Amino acid sequence: MSKTTFTENLEDNQLIAVREFNAPIEKVWKAWSDPDIMCQWWAPQPYICKIDHMDFREGGYWIYNMIGPEGDEHRGRMDFVKMKELEMFEAEDYFCDENGEKAGDIPPMQLEVTFEASGGTTTITSTTTFASPEAFKQMAEMGAAEGWELAMNQLEELLK
């Protein structure tokens, strides 16, 4: 199993994650764009993912809920601001309430995910830009990198 390479760019409040998958780009893109597939890997186990709404296109949005084994819920929303199929998407990512409205004290994050094919493999580069050093630190303390690694491991297993 591959590992995700993480780089912290503290000057720009960015966490950059790079992961290579032994799968064609079409299959990896579908794992991000198809809600039925997305829910199989997005929430790090033992959490499960429930999608309330998904419109994976520029101008669309995705509302999801990660539900823990004790019934705790963590809702999030991504508003897709730019998208090029099989290449990249940019989104504003934030915690939300059951209606999809911004919630919590962590400001929205800017997310850019790129997909690059090489032979039969696909490399994903995810760049998360935080609103401030404090927001970056808060997400780091919540285990953002660890959660991302668990989700990427689940995605890799699913793509086999």
Protein backbone atom coordinates (compact mmCIF):
# COMPACT_ATOMS: atom_id res chain seq x y z
CA MET A 1 0.00 0.00 0.00
CA SER A 2 1.32 3.44 -0.86
CA LYS A 3 1.48 6.27 1.60
CA THR A 4 0.42 9.86 1.29
CA THR A 5 3.18 12.45 1.28
CA PHE A 6 2.26 15.53 3.32
CA THR A 7 3.93 18.93 3.05
CA GLU A 8 3.10 21.89 5.27
CA ASN A 9 3.49 25.29 3.65
CA LEU A 10 3.18 27.44 6.78
CA GLU A 11 3.83 30.68 4.90
CA ASP A 12 0.64 30.16 2.84
CA ASN A 13 -1.30 28.17 5.50
CA GLN A 14 -1.43 25.13 3.23
CA LEU A 15 -1.41 21.39 3.74
CA ILE A 16 -0.45 19.57 0.54
CA ALA A 17 -1.13 15.84 0.24
CA VAL A 18 0.12 13.70 -2.67
CA ARG A 19 -0.92 10.09 -3.26
CA GLU A 20 -0.43 7.74 -6.20
CA PHE A 21 -3.04 5.08 -6.98
CA ASN A 22 -2.57 2.03 -9.15
CA ALA A 23 -5.72 2.76 -11.15
CA PRO A 24 -6.64 4.64 -14.33
CA ILE A 25 -7.68 8.26 -13.98
CA GLU A 26 -11.29 7.55 -15.07
CA LYS A 27 -11.74 5.09 -12.20
CA VAL A 28 -10.19 7.46 -9.64
CA TRP A 29 -12.29 10.41 -10.87
CA LYS A 30 -15.44 8.27 -10.63
CA ALA A 31 -14.56 7.40 -7.02
CA TRP A 32 -14.75 11.15 -6.28
CA SER A 33 -17.74 12.01 -8.47
CA ASP A 34 -20.14 9.09 -7.88
CA PRO A 35 -21.90 9.50 -4.50
CA ASP A 36 -22.37 5.74 -4.04
CA ILE A 37 -18.64 5.14 -4.44
CA MET A 38 -17.60 8.25 -2.52
CA CYS A 39 -19.43 7.13 0.61
CA GLN A 40 -17.51 3.86 0.61
CA TRP A 41 -14.19 5.59 1.32
CA TRP A 42 -14.67 9.21 2.41
CA ALA A 43 -15.30 8.75 6.15
CA PRO A 44 -12.36 7.12 7.95
CA GLN A 45 -13.50 3.89 9.61
CA PRO A 46 -15.19 3.27 11.95
CA TYR A 47 -17.17 6.31 10.75
CA ILE A 48 -19.68 5.94 7.95
CA CYS A 49 -20.59 8.51 5.33
CA LYS A 50 -24.10 9.61 4.44
CA ILE A 51 -24.61 11.99 1.55
CA ASP A 52 -27.47 14.45 1.84
CA HIS A 53 -26.82 16.11 -1.53
CA MET A 54 -24.21 15.74 -4.27
CA ASP A 55 -23.99 17.70 -7.49
CA PHE A 56 -20.38 17.17 -8.60
CA ARG A 57 -19.98 19.92 -11.19
CA GLU A 58 -18.74 23.47 -11.31
CA GLY A 59 -21.33 25.51 -9.40
CA GLY A 60 -22.66 22.41 -7.63
CA TYR A 61 -22.21 21.35 -4.04
CA TRP A 62 -21.94 18.31 -1.80
CA ILE A 63 -23.35 17.95 1.73
CA TYR A 64 -22.24 14.92 3.70
CA ASN A 65 -22.41 13.59 7.22
CA MET A 66 -19.76 11.43 8.87
CA ILE A 67 -21.44 9.38 11.58
CA GLY A 68 -19.36 7.80 14.34
CA PRO A 69 -19.94 4.48 16.10
CA GLU A 70 -21.37 6.34 19.11
CA GLY A 71 -23.81 8.28 16.89
CA ASP A 72 -21.75 11.50 16.81
CA GLU A 73 -22.25 13.46 13.60
CA HIS A 74 -19.83 15.67 11.68
CA ARG A 75 -21.41 17.46 8.74
CA GLY A 76 -19.50 19.10 5.95
CA ARG A 77 -20.17 20.89 2.72
CA MET A 78 -18.10 21.51 -0.40
CA ASP A 79 -19.11 24.17 -2.88
CA PHE A 80 -17.45 23.37 -6.22
CA VAL A 81 -16.15 26.64 -7.68
CA LYS A 82 -14.06 25.31 -10.57
CA MET A 83 -13.90 21.94 -12.29
CA LYS A 84 -12.22 20.33 -15.29
CA GLU A 85 -13.33 16.73 -15.70
CA LEU A 86 -10.54 14.17 -15.17
CA GLU A 87 -8.13 17.01 -14.31
CA MET A 88 -9.05 19.01 -11.20
CA PHE A 89 -11.60 20.69 -9.04
CA GLU A 90 -11.54 23.59 -6.59
CA ALA A 91 -13.98 23.85 -3.72
CA GLU A 92 -14.77 25.80 -0.60
CA ASP A 93 -14.92 23.22 2.21
CA TYR A 94 -16.52 23.87 5.59
CA PHE A 95 -18.42 22.41 8.51
CA CYS A 96 -22.17 22.86 8.24
CA ASP A 97 -25.46 22.17 9.99
CA GLU A 98 -28.21 19.80 8.79
CA ASN A 99 -29.41 22.50 6.37
CA GLY A 100 -25.99 22.94 4.76
CA GLU A 101 -25.39 26.32 6.43
CA LYS A 102 -21.93 27.16 7.77
CA ALA A 103 -21.51 26.04 11.37
CA GLY A 104 -18.75 25.88 13.96
CA ASP A 105 -15.84 28.17 14.64
CA ILE A 106 -13.45 26.93 11.94
CA PRO A 107 -13.46 29.19 8.88
CA PRO A 108 -13.99 27.66 5.42
CA MET A 109 -10.97 26.07 3.74
CA GLN A 110 -10.09 26.29 0.09
CA LEU A 111 -9.45 22.91 -1.50
CA GLU A 112 -7.81 22.15 -4.83
CA VAL A 113 -7.55 18.53 -5.97
CA THR A 114 -5.67 17.64 -9.15
CA PHE A 115 -5.62 14.29 -10.95
CA GLU A 116 -2.63 13.29 -13.09
CA ALA A 117 -2.46 10.12 -15.16
CA SER A 118 0.79 8.33 -15.90
CA GLY A 119 0.50 4.96 -17.56
CA GLY A 120 -1.99 2.99 -15.50
CA THR A 121 -1.54 5.07 -12.34
CA THR A 122 -3.15 8.27 -11.13
CA THR A 123 -1.61 10.80 -8.76
CA ILE A 124 -3.89 12.99 -6.69
CA THR A 125 -2.53 16.23 -5.24
CA SER A 126 -4.76 17.88 -2.69
CA THR A 127 -3.93 21.40 -1.51
CA THR A 128 -5.94 22.72 1.42
CA THR A 129 -5.52 26.42 2.15
CA PHE A 130 -6.62 27.51 5.61
CA ALA A 131 -7.92 30.99 6.45
CA SER A 132 -5.23 31.64 9.08
CA PRO A 133 -2.37 29.98 10.96
CA GLU A 134 -4.80 29.45 13.84
CA ALA A 135 -7.30 27.61 11.62
CA PHE A 136 -4.45 25.50 10.23
CA LYS A 137 -3.33 24.60 13.75
CA GLN A 138 -6.88 23.81 14.88
CA MET A 139 -7.44 21.41 11.97
CA ALA A 140 -4.03 19.80 12.53
CA GLU A 141 -4.92 19.20 16.18
CA MET A 142 -8.21 17.62 15.06
CA GLY A 143 -6.19 15.09 13.03
CA ALA A 144 -6.80 16.37 9.50
CA ALA A 145 -3.72 14.67 8.04
CA GLU A 146 -4.40 11.40 9.86
CA GLY A 147 -8.02 11.40 8.68
CA TRP A 148 -6.94 12.13 5.13
CA GLU A 149 -4.44 9.23 5.23
CA LEU A 150 -7.13 6.83 6.49
CA ALA A 151 -9.53 7.91 3.74
CA MET A 152 -6.83 7.56 1.07
CA ASN A 153 -6.02 4.06 2.35
CA GLN A 154 -9.71 3.16 2.06
CA LEU A 155 -9.84 4.63 -1.45
CA GLU A 156 -6.81 2.58 -2.46
CA GLU A 157 -8.45 -0.63 -1.20
CA LEU A 158 -11.65 0.22 -3.05
CA LEU A 159 -9.79 0.86 -6.32
CA LYS A 160 -8.17 -2.62 -6.29
